Amino acid sequence: MIKNEVDFKVNTENYLHESGPVRRETLINHLIESNGYSRSSIERKLTNLKKQGIIVTLKTTEDFARFGIKEEDKRSAYNHKR
């Protein structure tokens, strides 16, 4: 893994560990502000982390309930560190 990818992985894991499940847009905005990554770069790297099983996307009511998320918007999805 390239150092930049390792830094991204560590930064993402740390943020999700501290914040718990967060909406994708919130995570992307945080990574843009804190690290200066471009949106397209972040989206590509998040997809890679999901494929590796490092983060998961919570989409179902059952997933939300398991983490205590009260969400009325059925289109919502949250990212969480596995």
PDB file of N, CA and C in Angstrom:
ATOM      1  N   MET A   1       0.831  -1.174   0.000  1.00  0.00           N
ATOM      2  CA  MET A   1       0.000   0.000   0.000  1.00  0.00           C
ATOM      3  C   MET A   1       0.883   1.247   0.000  1.00  0.00           C
ATOM      4  N   ILE A   2       0.494   2.219  -0.737  1.00  0.00           N
ATOM      5  CA  ILE A   2       1.211   3.484  -0.806  1.00  0.00           C
ATOM      6  C   ILE A   2       0.954   4.284   0.474  1.00  0.00           C
ATOM      7  N   LYS A   3       1.944   5.060   0.918  1.00  0.00           N
ATOM      8  CA  LYS A   3       1.822   5.827   2.161  1.00  0.00           C
ATOM      9  C   LYS A   3       0.566   6.687   2.181  1.00  0.00           C
ATOM     10  N   ASN A   4       0.242   7.339   1.063  1.00  0.00           N
ATOM     11  CA  ASN A   4      -0.942   8.192   0.993  1.00  0.00           C
ATOM     12  C   ASN A   4      -2.208   7.372   1.266  1.00  0.00           C
ATOM     13  N   GLU A   5      -2.258   6.155   0.728  1.00  0.00           N
ATOM     14  CA  GLU A   5      -3.423   5.299   0.959  1.00  0.00           C
ATOM     15  C   GLU A   5      -3.483   4.834   2.409  1.00  0.00           C
ATOM     16  N   VAL A   6      -2.317   4.553   2.996  1.00  0.00           N
ATOM     17  CA  VAL A   6      -2.271   4.160   4.405  1.00  0.00           C
ATOM     18  C   VAL A   6      -2.751   5.311   5.277  1.00  0.00           C
ATOM     19  N   ASP A   7      -2.275   6.533   4.996  1.00  0.00           N
ATOM     20  CA  ASP A   7      -2.715   7.710   5.748  1.00  0.00           C
ATOM     21  C   ASP A   7      -4.222   7.894   5.631  1.00  0.00           C
ATOM     22  N   PHE A   8      -4.765   7.748   4.428  1.00  0.00           N
ATOM     23  CA  PHE A   8      -6.195   7.894   4.215  1.00  0.00           C
ATOM     24  C   PHE A   8      -6.954   6.857   5.029  1.00  0.00           C
ATOM     25  N   LYS A   9      -6.485   5.609   4.975  1.00  0.00           N
ATOM     26  CA  LYS A   9      -7.129   4.520   5.711  1.00  0.00           C
ATOM     27  C   LYS A   9      -7.120   4.816   7.203  1.00  0.00           C
ATOM     28  N   VAL A  10      -5.978   5.210   7.726  1.00  0.00           N
ATOM     29  CA  VAL A  10      -5.851   5.499   9.163  1.00  0.00           C
ATOM     30  C   VAL A  10      -6.728   6.690   9.550  1.00  0.00           C
ATOM     31  N   ASN A  11      -6.699   7.759   8.759  1.00  0.00           N
ATOM     32  CA  ASN A  11      -7.528   8.934   9.051  1.00  0.00           C
ATOM     33  C   ASN A  11      -9.005   8.583   9.052  1.00  0.00           C
ATOM     34  N   THR A  12      -9.420   7.788   8.083  1.00  0.00           N
ATOM     35  CA  THR A  12     -10.824   7.392   7.980  1.00  0.00           C
ATOM     36  C   THR A  12     -11.224   6.517   9.155  1.00  0.00           C
ATOM     37  N   GLU A  13     -10.401   5.530   9.471  1.00  0.00           N
ATOM     38  CA  GLU A  13     -10.691   4.640  10.603  1.00  0.00           C
ATOM     39  C   GLU A  13     -10.751   5.425  11.911  1.00  0.00           C
ATOM     40  N   ASN A  14      -9.815   6.330  12.116  1.00  0.00           N
ATOM     41  CA  ASN A  14      -9.815   7.125  13.351  1.00  0.00           C
ATOM     42  C   ASN A  14     -11.076   7.974  13.470  1.00  0.00           C
ATOM     43  N   TYR A  15     -11.459   8.616  12.377  1.00  0.00           N
ATOM     44  CA  TYR A  15     -12.654   9.458  12.408  1.00  0.00           C
ATOM     45  C   TYR A  15     -13.903   8.623  12.703  1.00  0.00           C
ATOM     46  N   LEU A  16     -14.034   7.479  12.043  1.00  0.00           N
ATOM     47  CA  LEU A  16     -15.200   6.628  12.273  1.00  0.00           C
ATOM     48  C   LEU A  16     -15.180   6.035  13.680  1.00  0.00           C
ATOM     49  N   HIS A  17     -14.002   5.742  14.202  1.00  0.00           N
ATOM     50  CA  HIS A  17     -13.901   5.224  15.566  1.00  0.00           C
ATOM     51  C   HIS A  17     -14.353   6.278  16.574  1.00  0.00           C
ATOM     52  N   GLU A  18     -13.946   7.519  16.362  1.00  0.00           N
ATOM     53  CA  GLU A  18     -14.309   8.605  17.276  1.00  0.00           C
ATOM     54  C   GLU A  18     -15.775   9.013  17.133  1.00  0.00           C
ATOM     55  N   SER A  19     -16.266   9.031  15.891  1.00  0.00           N
ATOM     56  CA  SER A  19     -17.603   9.551  15.625  1.00  0.00           C
ATOM     57  C   SER A  19     -18.689   8.499  15.625  1.00  0.00           C
ATOM     58  N   GLY A  20     -18.327   7.255  15.431  1.00  0.00           N
ATOM     59  CA  GLY A  20     -19.326   6.210  15.244  1.00  0.00           C
ATOM     60  C   GLY A  20     -19.885   6.311  13.830  1.00  0.00           C
ATOM     61  N   PRO A  21     -21.016   5.684  13.580  1.00  0.00           N
ATOM     62  CA  PRO A  21     -21.585   5.733  12.231  1.00  0.00           C
ATOM     63  C   PRO A  21     -21.910   7.170  11.816  1.00  0.00           C
ATOM     64  N   VAL A  22     -21.483   7.553  10.613  1.00  0.00           N
ATOM     65  CA  VAL A  22     -21.766   8.881  10.084  1.00  0.00           C
ATOM     66  C   VAL A  22     -22.262   8.757   8.652  1.00  0.00           C
ATOM     67  N   ARG A  23     -23.030   9.734   8.240  1.00  0.00           N
ATOM     68  CA  ARG A  23     -23.484   9.763   6.853  1.00  0.00           C
ATOM     69  C   ARG A  23     -22.291   9.923   5.933  1.00  0.00           C
ATOM     70  N   ARG A  24     -22.413   9.362   4.757  1.00  0.00           N
ATOM     71  CA  ARG A  24     -21.331   9.397   3.774  1.00  0.00           C
ATOM     72  C   ARG A  24     -20.897  10.832   3.476  1.00  0.00           C
ATOM     73  N   GLU A  25     -21.866  11.709   3.289  1.00  0.00           N
ATOM     74  CA  GLU A  25     -21.555  13.103   2.954  1.00  0.00           C
ATOM     75  C   GLU A  25     -20.766  13.774   4.075  1.00  0.00           C
ATOM     76  N   THR A  26     -21.113  13.482   5.317  1.00  0.00           N
ATOM     77  CA  THR A  26     -20.394  14.032   6.468  1.00  0.00           C
ATOM     78  C   THR A  26     -18.951  13.539   6.470  1.00  0.00           C
ATOM     79  N   LEU A  27     -18.769  12.257   6.209  1.00  0.00           N
ATOM     80  CA  LEU A  27     -17.428  11.682   6.158  1.00  0.00           C
ATOM     81  C   LEU A  27     -16.610  12.314   5.035  1.00  0.00           C
ATOM     82  N   ILE A  28     -17.197  12.441   3.863  1.00  0.00           N
ATOM     83  CA  ILE A  28     -16.498  13.042   2.723  1.00  0.00           C
ATOM     84  C   ILE A  28     -16.103  14.484   3.044  1.00  0.00           C
ATOM     85  N   ASN A  29     -17.033  15.258   3.580  1.00  0.00           N
ATOM     86  CA  ASN A  29     -16.728  16.655   3.918  1.00  0.00           C
ATOM     87  C   ASN A  29     -15.600  16.753   4.946  1.00  0.00           C
ATOM     88  N   HIS A  30     -15.619  15.876   5.946  1.00  0.00           N
ATOM     89  CA  HIS A  30     -14.560  15.875   6.952  1.00  0.00           C
ATOM     90  C   HIS A  30     -13.200  15.588   6.296  1.00  0.00           C
ATOM     91  N   LEU A  31     -13.152  14.597   5.417  1.00  0.00           N
ATOM     92  CA  LEU A  31     -11.883  14.232   4.782  1.00  0.00           C
ATOM     93  C   LEU A  31     -11.378  15.329   3.847  1.00  0.00           C
ATOM     94  N   ILE A  32     -12.305  16.025   3.189  1.00  0.00           N
ATOM     95  CA  ILE A  32     -11.905  17.152   2.337  1.00  0.00           C
ATOM     96  C   ILE A  32     -11.295  18.256   3.201  1.00  0.00           C
ATOM     97  N   GLU A  33     -11.974  18.608   4.290  1.00  0.00           N
ATOM     98  CA  GLU A  33     -11.528  19.700   5.158  1.00  0.00           C
ATOM     99  C   GLU A  33     -10.237  19.375   5.896  1.00  0.00           C
ATOM    100  N   SER A  34     -10.128  18.154   6.391  1.00  0.00           N
ATOM    101  CA  SER A  34      -8.980  17.836   7.237  1.00  0.00           C
ATOM    102  C   SER A  34      -7.738  17.427   6.456  1.00  0.00           C
ATOM    103  N   ASN A  35      -7.925  16.880   5.261  1.00  0.00           N
ATOM    104  CA  ASN A  35      -6.771  16.356   4.544  1.00  0.00           C
ATOM    105  C   ASN A  35      -6.567  16.950   3.163  1.00  0.00           C
ATOM    106  N   GLY A  36      -7.548  17.682   2.668  1.00  0.00           N
ATOM    107  CA  GLY A  36      -7.409  18.291   1.361  1.00  0.00           C
ATOM    108  C   GLY A  36      -7.548  17.337   0.186  1.00  0.00           C
ATOM    109  N   TYR A  37      -8.077  16.153   0.431  1.00  0.00           N
ATOM    110  CA  TYR A  37      -8.307  15.219  -0.662  1.00  0.00           C
ATOM    111  C   TYR A  37      -9.406  15.751  -1.572  1.00  0.00           C
ATOM    112  N   SER A  38      -9.350  15.399  -2.847  1.00  0.00           N
ATOM    113  CA  SER A  38     -10.426  15.774  -3.761  1.00  0.00           C
ATOM    114  C   SER A  38     -11.605  14.826  -3.557  1.00  0.00           C
ATOM    115  N   ARG A  39     -12.783  15.292  -3.908  1.00  0.00           N
ATOM    116  CA  ARG A  39     -13.993  14.488  -3.741  1.00  0.00           C
ATOM    117  C   ARG A  39     -13.888  13.167  -4.512  1.00  0.00           C
ATOM    118  N   SER A  40     -13.417  13.228  -5.749  1.00  0.00           N
ATOM    119  CA  SER A  40     -13.332  12.001  -6.559  1.00  0.00           C
ATOM    120  C   SER A  40     -12.318  11.023  -5.959  1.00  0.00           C
ATOM    121  N   SER A  41     -11.228  11.544  -5.422  1.00  0.00           N
ATOM    122  CA  SER A  41     -10.225  10.696  -4.779  1.00  0.00           C
ATOM    123  C   SER A  41     -10.807  10.025  -3.530  1.00  0.00           C
ATOM    124  N   ILE A  42     -11.537  10.784  -2.742  1.00  0.00           N
ATOM    125  CA  ILE A  42     -12.156  10.243  -1.528  1.00  0.00           C
ATOM    126  C   ILE A  42     -13.155   9.155  -1.886  1.00  0.00           C
ATOM    127  N   GLU A  43     -13.997   9.403  -2.865  1.00  0.00           N
ATOM    128  CA  GLU A  43     -15.008   8.411  -3.235  1.00  0.00           C
ATOM    129  C   GLU A  43     -14.355   7.124  -3.722  1.00  0.00           C
ATOM    130  N   ARG A  44     -13.293   7.240  -4.499  1.00  0.00           N
ATOM    131  CA  ARG A  44     -12.576   6.060  -4.982  1.00  0.00           C
ATOM    132  C   ARG A  44     -11.961   5.295  -3.809  1.00  0.00           C
ATOM    133  N   LYS A  45     -11.332   6.016  -2.881  1.00  0.00           N
ATOM    134  CA  LYS A  45     -10.679   5.377  -1.747  1.00  0.00           C
ATOM    135  C   LYS A  45     -11.695   4.753  -0.784  1.00  0.00           C
ATOM    136  N   LEU A  46     -12.842   5.394  -0.589  1.00  0.00           N
ATOM    137  CA  LEU A  46     -13.879   4.810   0.265  1.00  0.00           C
ATOM    138  C   LEU A  46     -14.415   3.515  -0.343  1.00  0.00           C
ATOM    139  N   THR A  47     -14.579   3.509  -1.662  1.00  0.00           N
ATOM    140  CA  THR A  47     -15.025   2.294  -2.344  1.00  0.00           C
ATOM    141  C   THR A  47     -14.016   1.168  -2.126  1.00  0.00           C
ATOM    142  N   ASN A  48     -12.737   1.483  -2.215  1.00  0.00           N
ATOM    143  CA  ASN A  48     -11.703   0.475  -1.976  1.00  0.00           C
ATOM    144  C   ASN A  48     -11.740  -0.036  -0.537  1.00  0.00           C
ATOM    145  N   LEU A  49     -11.947   0.852   0.435  1.00  0.00           N
ATOM    146  CA  LEU A  49     -12.031   0.425   1.831  1.00  0.00           C
ATOM    147  C   LEU A  49     -13.241  -0.477   2.058  1.00  0.00           C
ATOM    148  N   LYS A  50     -14.353  -0.176   1.384  1.00  0.00           N
ATOM    149  CA  LYS A  50     -15.541  -1.031   1.507  1.00  0.00           C
ATOM    150  C   LYS A  50     -15.281  -2.404   0.896  1.00  0.00           C
ATOM    151  N   LYS A  51     -14.619  -2.438  -0.262  1.00  0.00           N
ATOM    152  CA  LYS A  51     -14.304  -3.718  -0.910  1.00  0.00           C
ATOM    153  C   LYS A  51     -13.385  -4.566  -0.038  1.00  0.00           C
ATOM    154  N   GLN A  52     -12.488  -3.920   0.703  1.00  0.00           N
ATOM    155  CA  GLN A  52     -11.564  -4.629   1.591  1.00  0.00           C
ATOM    156  C   GLN A  52     -12.235  -5.044   2.900  1.00  0.00           C
ATOM    157  N   GLY A  53     -13.460  -4.564   3.137  1.00  0.00           N
ATOM    158  CA  GLY A  53     -14.174  -4.908   4.364  1.00  0.00           C
ATOM    159  C   GLY A  53     -13.747  -4.093   5.568  1.00  0.00           C
ATOM    160  N   ILE A  54     -13.025  -3.009   5.346  1.00  0.00           N
ATOM    161  CA  ILE A  54     -12.545  -2.168   6.445  1.00  0.00           C
ATOM    162  C   ILE A  54     -13.658  -1.276   6.974  1.00  0.00           C
ATOM    163  N   ILE A  55     -14.506  -0.769   6.074  1.00  0.00           N
ATOM    164  CA  ILE A  55     -15.689  -0.018   6.483  1.00  0.00           C
ATOM    165  C   ILE A  55     -16.908  -0.672   5.848  1.00  0.00           C
ATOM    166  N   VAL A  56     -18.041  -0.466   6.451  1.00  0.00           N
ATOM    167  CA  VAL A  56     -19.297  -0.991   5.930  1.00  0.00           C
ATOM    168  C   VAL A  56     -20.292   0.153   5.801  1.00  0.00           C
ATOM    169  N   THR A  57     -21.253  -0.030   4.915  1.00  0.00           N
ATOM    170  CA  THR A  57     -22.323   0.939   4.751  1.00  0.00           C
ATOM    171  C   THR A  57     -23.581   0.366   5.388  1.00  0.00           C
ATOM    172  N   LEU A  58     -24.143   1.111   6.308  1.00  0.00           N
ATOM    173  CA  LEU A  58     -25.385   0.721   6.979  1.00  0.00           C
ATOM    174  C   LEU A  58     -26.542   1.299   6.190  1.00  0.00           C
ATOM    175  N   LYS A  59     -27.440   0.428   5.704  1.00  0.00           N
ATOM    176  CA  LYS A  59     -28.535   0.909   4.866  1.00  0.00           C
ATOM    177  C   LYS A  59     -29.917   0.493   5.352  1.00  0.00           C
ATOM    178  N   THR A  60     -29.991  -0.556   6.139  1.00  0.00           N
ATOM    179  CA  THR A  60     -31.296  -1.085   6.508  1.00  0.00           C
ATOM    180  C   THR A  60     -31.729  -0.604   7.889  1.00  0.00           C
ATOM    181  N   THR A  61     -33.012  -0.689   8.142  1.00  0.00           N
ATOM    182  CA  THR A  61     -33.560  -0.315   9.442  1.00  0.00           C
ATOM    183  C   THR A  61     -32.927  -1.159  10.545  1.00  0.00           C
ATOM    184  N   GLU A  62     -32.660  -2.429  10.247  1.00  0.00           N
ATOM    185  CA  GLU A  62     -32.037  -3.322  11.226  1.00  0.00           C
ATOM    186  C   GLU A  62     -30.625  -2.850  11.567  1.00  0.00           C
ATOM    187  N   ASP A  63     -29.881  -2.428  10.530  1.00  0.00           N
ATOM    188  CA  ASP A  63     -28.538  -1.895  10.766  1.00  0.00           C
ATOM    189  C   ASP A  63     -28.607  -0.663  11.659  1.00  0.00           C
ATOM    190  N   PHE A  64     -29.552   0.232  11.354  1.00  0.00           N
ATOM    191  CA  PHE A  64     -29.701   1.461  12.132  1.00  0.00           C
ATOM    192  C   PHE A  64     -30.019   1.131  13.585  1.00  0.00           C
ATOM    193  N   ALA A  65     -30.938   0.205  13.794  1.00  0.00           N
ATOM    194  CA  ALA A  65     -31.351  -0.158  15.148  1.00  0.00           C
ATOM    195  C   ALA A  65     -30.185  -0.756  15.932  1.00  0.00           C
ATOM    196  N   ARG A  66     -29.359  -1.540  15.275  1.00  0.00           N
ATOM    197  CA  ARG A  66     -28.222  -2.174  15.938  1.00  0.00           C
ATOM    198  C   ARG A  66     -27.250  -1.130  16.501  1.00  0.00           C
ATOM    199  N   PHE A  67     -27.159   0.029  15.849  1.00  0.00           N
ATOM    200  CA  PHE A  67     -26.254   1.079  16.297  1.00  0.00           C
ATOM    201  C   PHE A  67     -26.986   2.235  16.966  1.00  0.00           C
ATOM    202  N   GLY A  68     -28.283   2.079  17.206  1.00  0.00           N
ATOM    203  CA  GLY A  68     -29.049   3.100  17.907  1.00  0.00           C
ATOM    204  C   GLY A  68     -29.328   4.349  17.093  1.00  0.00           C
ATOM    205  N   ILE A  69     -29.357   4.215  15.766  1.00  0.00           N
ATOM    206  CA  ILE A  69     -29.616   5.359  14.899  1.00  0.00           C
ATOM    207  C   ILE A  69     -31.116   5.461  14.670  1.00  0.00           C
ATOM    208  N   LYS A  70     -31.684   6.613  14.984  1.00  0.00           N
ATOM    209  CA  LYS A  70     -33.105   6.841  14.727  1.00  0.00           C
ATOM    210  C   LYS A  70     -33.204   7.647  13.446  1.00  0.00           C
ATOM    211  N   GLU A  71     -33.592   6.998  12.371  1.00  0.00           N
ATOM    212  CA  GLU A  71     -33.591   7.643  11.059  1.00  0.00           C
ATOM    213  C   GLU A  71     -34.946   7.464  10.393  1.00  0.00           C
ATOM    214  N   GLU A  72     -35.538   8.567  10.018  1.00  0.00           N
ATOM    215  CA  GLU A  72     -36.828   8.546   9.347  1.00  0.00           C
ATOM    216  C   GLU A  72     -36.672   8.486   7.826  1.00  0.00           C
ATOM    217  N   ASP A  73     -35.570   9.021   7.330  1.00  0.00           N
ATOM    218  CA  ASP A  73     -35.323   9.051   5.890  1.00  0.00           C
ATOM    219  C   ASP A  73     -34.839   7.681   5.435  1.00  0.00           C
ATOM    220  N   LYS A  74     -35.660   6.952   4.718  1.00  0.00           N
ATOM    221  CA  LYS A  74     -35.341   5.583   4.307  1.00  0.00           C
ATOM    222  C   LYS A  74     -34.232   5.534   3.256  1.00  0.00           C
ATOM    223  N   ARG A  75     -33.845   6.673   2.696  1.00  0.00           N
ATOM    224  CA  ARG A  75     -32.773   6.701   1.700  1.00  0.00           C
ATOM    225  C   ARG A  75     -31.405   6.880   2.352  1.00  0.00           C
ATOM    226  N   SER A  76     -31.370   7.044   3.640  1.00  0.00           N
ATOM    227  CA  SER A  76     -30.117   7.308   4.351  1.00  0.00           C
ATOM    228  C   SER A  76     -29.202   6.097   4.338  1.00  0.00           C
ATOM    229  N   ALA A  77     -27.920   6.386   4.363  1.00  0.00           N
ATOM    230  CA  ALA A  77     -26.901   5.351   4.524  1.00  0.00           C
ATOM    231  C   ALA A  77     -25.798   5.951   5.378  1.00  0.00           C
ATOM    232  N   TYR A  78     -25.209   5.116   6.207  1.00  0.00           N
ATOM    233  CA  TYR A  78     -24.149   5.549   7.120  1.00  0.00           C
ATOM    234  C   TYR A  78     -22.929   4.669   6.890  1.00  0.00           C
ATOM    235  N   ASN A  79     -21.753   5.236   7.095  1.00  0.00           N
ATOM    236  CA  ASN A  79     -20.518   4.471   7.041  1.00  0.00           C
ATOM    237  C   ASN A  79     -20.053   4.196   8.455  1.00  0.00           C
ATOM    238  N   HIS A  80     -19.506   3.004   8.643  1.00  0.00           N
ATOM    239  CA  HIS A  80     -19.075   2.601   9.974  1.00  0.00           C
ATOM    240  C   HIS A  80     -17.826   1.734   9.845  1.00  0.00           C
ATOM    241  N   LYS A  81     -16.937   1.886  10.810  1.00  0.00           N
ATOM    242  CA  LYS A  81     -15.727   1.047  10.848  1.00  0.00           C
ATOM    243  C   LYS A  81     -16.125  -0.356  11.265  1.00  0.00           C
ATOM    244  N   ARG A  82     -15.662  -1.316  10.549  1.00  0.00           N
ATOM    245  CA  ARG A  82     -15.982  -2.717  10.847  1.00  0.00           C
ATOM    246  C   ARG A  82     -15.253  -3.152  12.078  1.00  0.00           C
TER     247      ARG A  82
END
